Amino acid sequence: MKWEIAKIEQVAEIIDGDRGKNYPKRNEFLNQGYCLFLNTGNVTLNGFSFENNQFITKQKDQILHKGKLERGDIVFTSRGTIGNVAYYSPSISYDNIRINSGMVILRTKREKAYEKYLYQLLKSPYQKEKIRRYITGSAQPQLPIKNLSLIEIPLPPIEIQRRIADILSAYDDLIENNRKQIKLLEDAAMRLYREWFVHLRFPGHENTRIVDGVPEGWEIRCIKNMGEVVTGKTPSTAKKENYGGNIPFVKIPDMHGVIYPLQTELTLSERGANTQKSKYLPPKSIMVSCIATVGLVCITFERCQTNQQINSIILNEEDYLYYLFFKMKGIKSLLQGVGSNGATMTNVNKTKFESIKILVPEKTIIKKFNMFAEPVFDCILTTSKQIAKLREARDKLIPKLMSGEIEV
């Protein structure tokens, strides 16, 4: 069955943010506040992520004119990373949210389009392939509103749009339940980490002498002493044959909301990866985002490479994997402090990163911690794989639903 084809401008109002003189300056952002002001890390490949938030005051919010969300709106990233989408559902706890200058709001014309249908369509690989044709710029990719408005989408009758959205939302619900399970598991391991290694209430602490905040047998080391530090690099994008293979190429957008980035937006061919053989990372390496959005931490599951915004640690001793994972997550504020602040981004280069000093527990304590942490992370990895399979099944289903090949 063939559906009507419509342009986005026919089914949704496209709303830009306020980019005038009242746009928030860096020193006006808060860790807590009245209105969540979205940054690029909040709108990911998998919808909203609220790991790294910034806020503005009520007074600042009131003098901005455009770009405030209403429930049911879709946020679409239109600069830098193009085409990430998130749906502002009633379940989201923030009542006041504004977009930044790298995003637009899509507010559906509800007589024409069901917002959840448009959301499901825009986040699908099926539609993203079409969106890429409208992107301009090379150094700083962007999708101007005039281009976005002309992108065509299949538009079945409203009732069919609802049924399609319901089918796809069922996959999203399963994915979200799995993500919540991962969060519970991570939180459990994090609580033990804090108890032992932050509050220093580790097994045997009562009989351990502590000198200058360091338990006897523990030591202070630089990160470079924990393993080889590798700063990623991007193979030439002018050579298409460098991409599209089986080697994951991890970028910061792939790191949001996950511990193991099993799915990446880009992959490298063997040829592309071999142009920079020194950038390979083996499984069980730790990746830390160090430019722009700093402090995201992930663990590699398979051989991969990253771009230049990520510093990674290939560990000398695998026993320290889970300890160092949580240690890196805990030094976000330090990373922001050691970065060289330019006008627009934070940059923690390799030299600064590998010189960061951390407290390293003695081996017997680490082994005891791993007895708890390792099965937890094994379960996280298994659940992450289930999420990947659900996404793959959903993405394969979408073109069949959109084309009418499967009746709903």
Protein backbone atom coordinates (compact mmCIF):
# COMPACT_ATOMS: atom_id res chain seq x y z
CA MET A 1 0.00 0.00 0.00
CA LYS A 2 1.29 3.46 -0.87
CA TRP A 3 0.82 6.26 1.62
CA GLU A 4 0.59 9.98 0.93
CA ILE A 5 3.97 11.73 0.89
CA ALA A 6 4.21 15.03 2.79
CA LYS A 7 6.92 17.55 3.57
CA ILE A 8 7.80 18.14 7.20
CA GLU A 9 6.64 21.75 6.94
CA GLN A 10 3.17 20.41 6.09
CA VAL A 11 2.88 18.29 9.23
CA ALA A 12 4.79 20.26 11.86
CA GLU A 13 5.71 23.79 12.88
CA ILE A 14 9.49 24.16 13.04
CA ILE A 15 10.51 26.36 15.97
CA ASP A 16 14.01 27.75 16.39
CA GLY A 17 15.57 28.73 19.70
CA ASP A 18 16.20 32.26 20.91
CA ARG A 19 19.62 33.22 19.54
CA GLY A 20 19.51 36.92 20.33
CA LYS A 21 21.32 39.06 22.88
CA ASN A 22 19.63 37.25 25.78
CA TYR A 23 21.04 33.83 24.86
CA PRO A 24 22.64 32.44 28.06
CA LYS A 25 26.34 33.04 28.53
CA ARG A 26 28.60 30.35 29.97
CA ASN A 27 28.63 31.89 33.44
CA GLU A 28 24.81 31.96 33.56
CA PHE A 29 24.42 28.18 33.51
CA LEU A 30 23.74 26.41 36.81
CA ASN A 31 23.94 22.83 38.04
CA GLN A 32 20.39 23.20 39.33
CA GLY A 33 17.71 25.71 38.51
CA TYR A 34 14.27 26.56 37.21
CA CYS A 35 14.62 25.70 33.52
CA LEU A 36 16.64 22.89 31.93
CA PHE A 37 18.62 24.36 29.03
CA LEU A 38 19.38 21.48 26.69
CA ASN A 39 22.92 20.77 25.57
CA THR A 40 24.09 18.40 22.84
CA GLY A 41 24.52 15.59 25.36
CA ASN A 42 20.84 15.73 26.35
CA VAL A 43 19.55 14.73 22.89
CA THR A 44 21.10 11.44 21.85
CA LEU A 45 20.70 8.64 19.34
CA ASN A 46 18.37 7.05 21.88
CA GLY A 47 16.25 10.04 22.92
CA PHE A 48 16.72 12.23 25.97
CA SER A 49 19.61 11.66 28.37
CA PHE A 50 19.80 13.70 31.56
CA GLU A 51 23.28 12.71 32.77
CA ASN A 52 24.88 16.12 32.17
CA ASN A 53 22.42 18.94 32.74
CA GLN A 54 22.64 22.70 32.82
CA PHE A 55 19.94 25.10 34.00
CA ILE A 56 18.99 28.76 33.85
CA THR A 57 17.07 30.86 36.36
CA LYS A 58 13.38 31.69 36.10
CA GLN A 59 14.30 35.31 35.41
CA LYS A 60 16.53 34.28 32.50
CA ASP A 61 13.88 31.94 31.17
CA GLN A 62 11.28 34.71 31.14
CA ILE A 63 13.31 37.07 28.94
CA LEU A 64 13.90 34.41 26.25
CA HIS A 65 11.23 34.41 23.57
CA LYS A 66 11.55 31.32 21.41
CA GLY A 67 12.55 27.73 21.94
CA LYS A 68 10.58 26.55 24.97
CA LEU A 69 9.16 23.02 24.86
CA GLU A 70 5.56 21.97 25.26
CA ARG A 71 4.56 18.41 26.09
CA GLY A 72 4.37 16.36 22.89
CA ASP A 73 7.12 18.34 21.16
CA ILE A 74 9.96 16.66 19.31
CA VAL A 75 13.52 18.01 19.65
CA PHE A 76 15.70 17.60 16.55
CA THR A 77 19.45 18.33 16.54
CA SER A 78 20.31 20.44 13.51
CA ARG A 79 23.96 21.37 13.98
CA GLY A 80 27.11 19.31 14.60
CA THR A 81 25.52 15.92 15.21
CA ILE A 82 22.52 16.00 12.88
CA GLY A 83 19.28 14.12 13.35
CA ASN A 84 19.23 13.04 16.99
CA VAL A 85 15.64 13.26 18.18
CA ALA A 86 13.88 13.18 21.54
CA TYR A 87 10.21 13.22 22.51
CA TYR A 88 9.01 15.45 25.36
CA SER A 89 6.54 13.02 26.86
CA PRO A 90 4.39 13.59 29.97
CA SER A 91 6.65 11.15 31.87
CA ILE A 92 9.66 13.48 31.76
CA SER A 93 10.07 15.12 35.15
CA TYR A 94 11.29 18.55 33.97
CA ASP A 95 8.42 21.01 33.47
CA ASN A 96 10.53 23.79 31.96
CA ILE A 97 12.90 22.97 29.11
CA ARG A 98 14.49 25.11 26.41
CA ILE A 99 16.54 24.11 23.37
CA ASN A 100 20.00 25.45 22.58
CA SER A 101 21.19 26.92 19.29
CA GLY A 102 22.01 23.52 17.79
CA MET A 103 18.43 22.25 17.88
CA VAL A 104 14.93 22.96 16.67
CA ILE A 105 11.49 22.00 17.95
CA LEU A 106 8.99 20.13 15.79
CA ARG A 107 5.45 20.79 17.00
CA THR A 108 3.05 18.63 15.02
CA LYS A 109 -0.08 19.92 13.34
CA ARG A 110 -2.26 17.35 15.03
CA GLU A 111 -4.91 17.20 12.36
CA LYS A 112 -2.14 16.03 10.03
CA ALA A 113 0.36 14.02 12.08
CA TYR A 114 0.53 12.09 15.34
CA GLU A 115 3.59 13.27 17.28
CA LYS A 116 4.71 9.78 18.35
CA TYR A 117 4.54 8.60 14.75
CA LEU A 118 6.70 11.51 13.58
CA TYR A 119 9.15 10.85 16.43
CA GLN A 120 9.47 7.16 15.58
CA LEU A 121 9.93 7.96 11.92
CA LEU A 122 12.58 10.64 12.38
CA LYS A 123 14.76 8.53 14.70
CA SER A 124 14.73 5.52 12.38
CA PRO A 125 17.63 4.62 10.04
CA TYR A 126 14.93 4.44 7.34
CA GLN A 127 14.38 8.19 7.51
CA LYS A 128 17.88 9.26 8.56
CA GLU A 129 19.26 8.13 5.21
CA LYS A 130 16.93 10.65 3.55
CA ILE A 131 17.82 13.40 6.02
CA ARG A 132 21.56 13.12 5.22
CA ARG A 133 20.93 14.38 1.68
CA TYR A 134 19.83 17.76 3.05
CA ILE A 135 22.84 18.38 5.31
CA THR A 136 25.18 21.24 4.40
CA GLY A 137 28.67 22.18 5.58
CA SER A 138 31.70 19.98 6.12
CA ALA A 139 33.68 21.50 9.01
CA GLN A 140 30.43 22.14 10.92
CA PRO A 141 27.56 20.09 9.44
CA GLN A 142 24.13 21.64 9.77
CA LEU A 143 20.60 21.19 8.57
CA PRO A 144 19.05 24.63 7.94
CA ILE A 145 15.36 24.97 8.72
CA LYS A 146 14.61 25.64 5.05
CA ASN A 147 16.14 22.26 4.18
CA LEU A 148 14.50 20.42 7.07
CA SER A 149 11.10 21.77 6.09
CA LEU A 150 11.39 20.17 2.62
CA ILE A 151 12.25 16.63 3.78
CA GLU A 152 9.53 14.22 2.69
CA ILE A 153 7.93 11.58 4.91
CA PRO A 154 5.27 8.89 4.34
CA LEU A 155 1.97 10.04 5.84
CA PRO A 156 -0.71 7.38 6.34
CA PRO A 157 -4.09 8.31 7.86
CA ILE A 158 -3.95 9.43 11.50
CA GLU A 159 -5.41 6.19 12.86
CA ILE A 160 -2.76 4.13 11.06
CA GLN A 161 -0.07 6.54 12.30
CA ARG A 162 -1.26 5.81 15.85
CA ARG A 163 -1.15 2.05 15.33
CA ILE A 164 2.34 2.20 13.82
CA ALA A 165 3.54 4.37 16.72
CA ASP A 166 2.01 1.96 19.24
CA ILE A 167 3.81 -1.02 17.69
CA LEU A 168 7.17 0.76 17.68
CA SER A 169 6.62 2.25 21.13
CA ALA A 170 6.22 -1.27 22.51
CA TYR A 171 9.84 -1.92 21.49
CA ASP A 172 10.87 1.36 23.13
CA ASP A 173 9.12 0.33 26.35
CA LEU A 174 11.07 -2.94 26.45
CA ILE A 175 14.30 -1.06 25.73
CA GLU A 176 13.54 1.44 28.49
CA ASN A 177 12.83 -1.32 31.00
CA ASN A 178 16.20 -2.87 30.18
CA ARG A 179 17.91 0.49 30.53
CA LYS A 180 16.35 0.91 33.99
CA GLN A 181 17.65 -2.52 34.96
CA ILE A 182 21.15 -1.51 33.83
CA LYS A 183 20.90 1.68 35.88
CA LEU A 184 19.90 -0.28 39.00
CA LEU A 185 22.83 -2.64 38.51
CA GLU A 186 25.28 0.21 37.97
CA ASP A 187 23.95 2.04 41.03
CA ALA A 188 24.43 -1.07 43.19
CA ALA A 189 28.08 -1.39 42.12
CA MET A 190 28.56 2.36 42.51
CA ARG A 191 27.29 2.27 46.10
CA LEU A 192 29.84 -0.39 47.03
CA TYR A 193 32.58 1.56 45.23
CA ARG A 194 31.76 4.69 47.22
CA GLU A 195 31.56 2.80 50.49
CA TRP A 196 34.98 1.19 50.01
CA PHE A 197 36.97 3.70 47.99
CA VAL A 198 35.45 7.11 48.73
CA HIS A 199 34.41 6.75 52.37
CA LEU A 200 37.26 4.24 52.94
CA ARG A 201 35.05 1.73 54.73
CA PHE A 202 36.62 -1.22 52.93
CA PRO A 203 37.07 -4.70 54.45
CA GLY A 204 39.64 -4.45 57.22
CA HIS A 205 39.60 -0.64 57.34
CA GLU A 206 39.35 -0.74 61.14
CA ASN A 207 42.85 -2.18 61.36
CA THR A 208 44.43 -0.19 58.52
CA ARG A 209 46.57 2.83 59.27
CA ILE A 210 45.76 5.90 57.17
CA VAL A 211 48.45 8.50 56.56
CA ASP A 212 47.55 11.79 54.84
CA GLY A 213 44.30 10.26 53.61
CA VAL A 214 46.01 7.24 52.04
CA PRO A 215 45.45 3.78 53.57
CA GLU A 216 48.59 1.76 54.19
CA GLY A 217 49.44 -0.35 51.13
CA TRP A 218 47.59 1.99 48.76
CA GLU A 219 49.36 4.54 46.56
CA ILE A 220 48.90 7.61 44.40
CA ARG A 221 49.55 7.04 40.69
CA CYS A 222 49.21 9.02 37.48
CA ILE A 223 46.73 7.61 34.97
CA LYS A 224 49.61 6.90 32.60
CA ASN A 225 50.93 4.42 35.17
CA MET A 226 47.69 2.45 34.99
CA GLY A 227 48.07 1.69 31.28
CA GLU A 228 48.67 3.09 27.82
CA VAL A 229 46.70 6.26 27.08
CA VAL A 230 45.43 6.46 23.49
CA THR A 231 43.88 9.61 22.02
CA GLY A 232 41.62 8.71 19.13
CA LYS A 233 41.77 10.02 15.59
CA THR A 234 39.44 10.24 12.60
CA PRO A 235 40.49 8.56 9.35
CA SER A 236 40.12 10.69 6.24
CA THR A 237 36.43 11.24 5.54
CA ALA A 238 37.30 12.12 1.93
CA LYS A 239 37.92 8.43 1.29
CA LYS A 240 34.60 6.63 1.54
CA GLU A 241 36.34 3.27 1.53
CA ASN A 242 37.62 4.07 5.06
CA TYR A 243 34.10 3.62 6.43
CA GLY A 244 31.26 1.11 6.49
CA GLY A 245 33.10 -1.96 7.76
CA ASN A 246 32.79 -3.99 10.95
CA ILE A 247 35.05 -1.97 13.28
CA PRO A 248 33.08 0.29 15.66
CA PHE A 249 34.15 3.94 15.55
CA VAL A 250 33.13 5.50 18.86
CA LYS A 251 32.28 9.19 19.11
CA ILE A 252 30.84 11.13 22.03
CA PRO A 253 27.20 10.77 20.87
CA ASP A 254 27.65 6.98 21.04
CA MET A 255 28.68 7.20 24.71
CA HIS A 256 25.58 8.85 26.13
CA GLY A 257 23.48 6.68 28.41
CA VAL A 258 25.47 3.47 27.90
CA ILE A 259 28.32 1.60 29.57
CA TYR A 260 29.16 -0.59 26.57
CA PRO A 261 28.67 1.28 23.24
CA LEU A 262 27.59 -1.78 21.24
CA GLN A 263 26.08 0.33 18.45
CA THR A 264 27.89 3.25 16.86
CA GLU A 265 26.69 5.70 14.26
CA LEU A 266 29.82 5.07 12.16
CA THR A 267 31.98 2.02 11.57
CA LEU A 268 35.40 1.74 9.97
CA SER A 269 36.60 -0.64 7.31
CA GLU A 270 39.80 -2.61 7.95
CA ARG A 271 41.46 -0.30 5.46
CA GLY A 272 40.30 2.82 7.28
CA ALA A 273 41.27 1.53 10.71
CA ASN A 274 44.64 0.33 9.46
CA THR A 275 45.54 3.86 8.35
CA GLN A 276 45.97 4.47 12.10
CA LYS A 277 46.91 1.12 13.59
CA SER A 278 48.17 2.70 16.79
CA LYS A 279 44.60 3.81 17.59
CA TYR A 280 43.12 0.33 18.03
CA LEU A 281 41.59 -0.38 21.43
CA PRO A 282 41.20 -3.96 22.69
CA PRO A 283 38.16 -5.14 24.68
CA LYS A 284 38.04 -3.99 28.30
CA SER A 285 39.66 -0.62 27.64
CA ILE A 286 38.20 2.47 29.31
CA MET A 287 37.08 5.41 27.14
CA VAL A 288 36.69 8.92 28.58
CA SER A 289 35.26 11.88 26.66
CA CYS A 290 37.66 14.82 26.99
CA ILE A 291 36.56 17.51 24.53
CA ALA A 292 33.32 19.55 24.64
CA THR A 293 31.23 17.07 26.67
CA VAL A 294 33.75 15.78 29.20
CA GLY A 295 33.47 12.98 31.72
CA LEU A 296 31.46 10.35 29.83
CA VAL A 297 32.97 6.94 30.57
CA CYS A 298 32.46 3.67 28.68
CA ILE A 299 34.08 0.24 28.42
CA THR A 300 35.00 -1.31 25.09
CA PHE A 301 33.33 -4.63 24.31
CA GLU A 302 35.27 -5.46 21.15
CA ARG A 303 38.22 -4.14 19.15
CA CYS A 304 37.39 -0.60 18.11
CA GLN A 305 38.70 2.92 17.57
CA THR A 306 37.54 6.36 18.71
CA ASN A 307 37.74 9.89 17.41
CA GLN A 308 40.03 12.59 18.79
CA GLN A 309 37.54 13.76 21.43
CA ILE A 310 38.13 10.62 23.49
CA ASN A 311 41.13 9.52 25.57
CA SER A 312 41.24 5.81 26.35
CA ILE A 313 43.20 3.65 28.78
CA ILE A 314 44.46 0.22 27.74
CA LEU A 315 44.97 -1.23 31.20
CA ASN A 316 48.21 -2.83 32.34
CA GLU A 317 46.20 -4.96 34.79
CA GLU A 318 42.63 -5.98 33.97
CA ASP A 319 41.87 -6.34 37.69
CA TYR A 320 41.55 -2.57 37.93
CA LEU A 321 38.89 -2.29 35.17
CA TYR A 322 35.75 -1.78 37.26
CA TYR A 323 37.49 0.30 39.92
CA LEU A 324 38.92 2.62 37.27
CA PHE A 325 35.56 2.83 35.48
CA PHE A 326 33.97 4.33 38.58
CA LYS A 327 37.05 6.40 39.39
CA MET A 328 36.88 8.05 35.94
CA LYS A 329 33.16 8.73 36.37
CA GLY A 330 33.96 10.40 39.67
CA ILE A 331 36.50 12.90 38.33
CA LYS A 332 34.25 14.77 35.91
CA SER A 333 34.62 18.03 37.80
CA LEU A 334 38.38 17.55 37.84
CA LEU A 335 38.40 16.99 34.07
CA GLN A 336 36.44 20.20 33.62
CA GLY A 337 38.99 21.94 35.81
CA VAL A 338 42.10 20.70 34.00
CA GLY A 339 40.66 21.42 30.57
CA SER A 340 41.86 24.51 28.74
CA ASN A 341 38.68 26.53 28.51
CA GLY A 342 38.16 28.21 25.20
CA ALA A 343 35.12 30.21 24.21
CA THR A 344 33.02 27.20 23.33
CA MET A 345 34.46 23.95 24.70
CA THR A 346 36.56 22.18 27.27
CA ASN A 347 39.60 20.27 26.04
CA VAL A 348 41.53 17.81 28.21
CA ASN A 349 44.48 16.82 26.03
CA LYS A 350 46.45 13.59 26.37
CA THR A 351 49.24 15.14 28.43
CA LYS A 352 46.84 16.60 30.97
CA PHE A 353 44.73 13.45 31.06
CA GLU A 354 47.52 10.98 31.67
CA SER A 355 49.07 13.20 34.36
CA ILE A 356 45.92 13.15 36.53
CA LYS A 357 46.73 11.54 39.87
CA ILE A 358 44.40 8.95 41.40
CA LEU A 359 44.32 6.85 44.54
CA VAL A 360 45.01 3.18 43.75
CA PRO A 361 43.98 0.52 46.31
CA GLU A 362 46.14 -2.48 46.98
CA LYS A 363 45.42 -5.64 44.98
CA THR A 364 43.63 -7.77 47.57
CA ILE A 365 40.93 -5.11 48.08
CA ILE A 366 40.50 -4.78 44.31
CA LYS A 367 40.06 -8.55 43.95
CA LYS A 368 37.37 -8.52 46.65
CA PHE A 369 35.61 -5.64 44.89
CA ASN A 370 35.73 -7.55 41.60
CA MET A 371 34.00 -10.55 43.19
CA PHE A 372 30.93 -8.30 43.44
CA ALA A 373 31.45 -6.02 40.43
CA GLU A 374 32.31 -8.57 37.74
CA PRO A 375 28.98 -10.49 37.76
CA VAL A 376 27.14 -7.16 37.90
CA PHE A 377 28.93 -5.90 34.79
CA ASP A 378 28.43 -9.27 33.07
CA CYS A 379 24.70 -8.80 33.62
CA ILE A 380 24.91 -5.21 32.34
CA LEU A 381 26.63 -6.44 29.18
CA THR A 382 24.02 -9.18 28.62
CA THR A 383 21.20 -6.67 29.07
CA SER A 384 22.94 -4.21 26.74
CA LYS A 385 23.06 -6.90 24.06
CA GLN A 386 19.33 -7.49 24.51
CA ILE A 387 18.73 -3.77 23.96
CA ALA A 388 20.83 -3.90 20.78
CA LYS A 389 18.75 -6.82 19.47
CA LEU A 390 15.50 -5.01 20.23
CA ARG A 391 16.71 -1.92 18.39
CA GLU A 392 17.80 -4.01 15.43
CA ALA A 393 14.40 -5.74 15.27
CA ARG A 394 12.57 -2.41 15.54
CA ASP A 395 14.70 -0.80 12.84
CA LYS A 396 14.09 -3.70 10.45
CA LEU A 397 10.36 -3.47 11.06
CA ILE A 398 10.06 0.27 10.42
CA PRO A 399 10.45 0.31 6.60
CA LYS A 400 7.89 -2.49 6.27
CA LEU A 401 5.40 -0.55 8.36
CA MET A 402 6.09 2.72 6.56
CA SER A 403 5.68 1.20 3.13
CA GLY A 404 2.45 -0.55 4.05
CA GLU A 405 4.07 -3.94 3.37
CA ILE A 406 2.86 -5.02 6.84
CA GLU A 407 -0.74 -4.01 7.46
CA VAL A 408 -1.62 -2.49 10.82
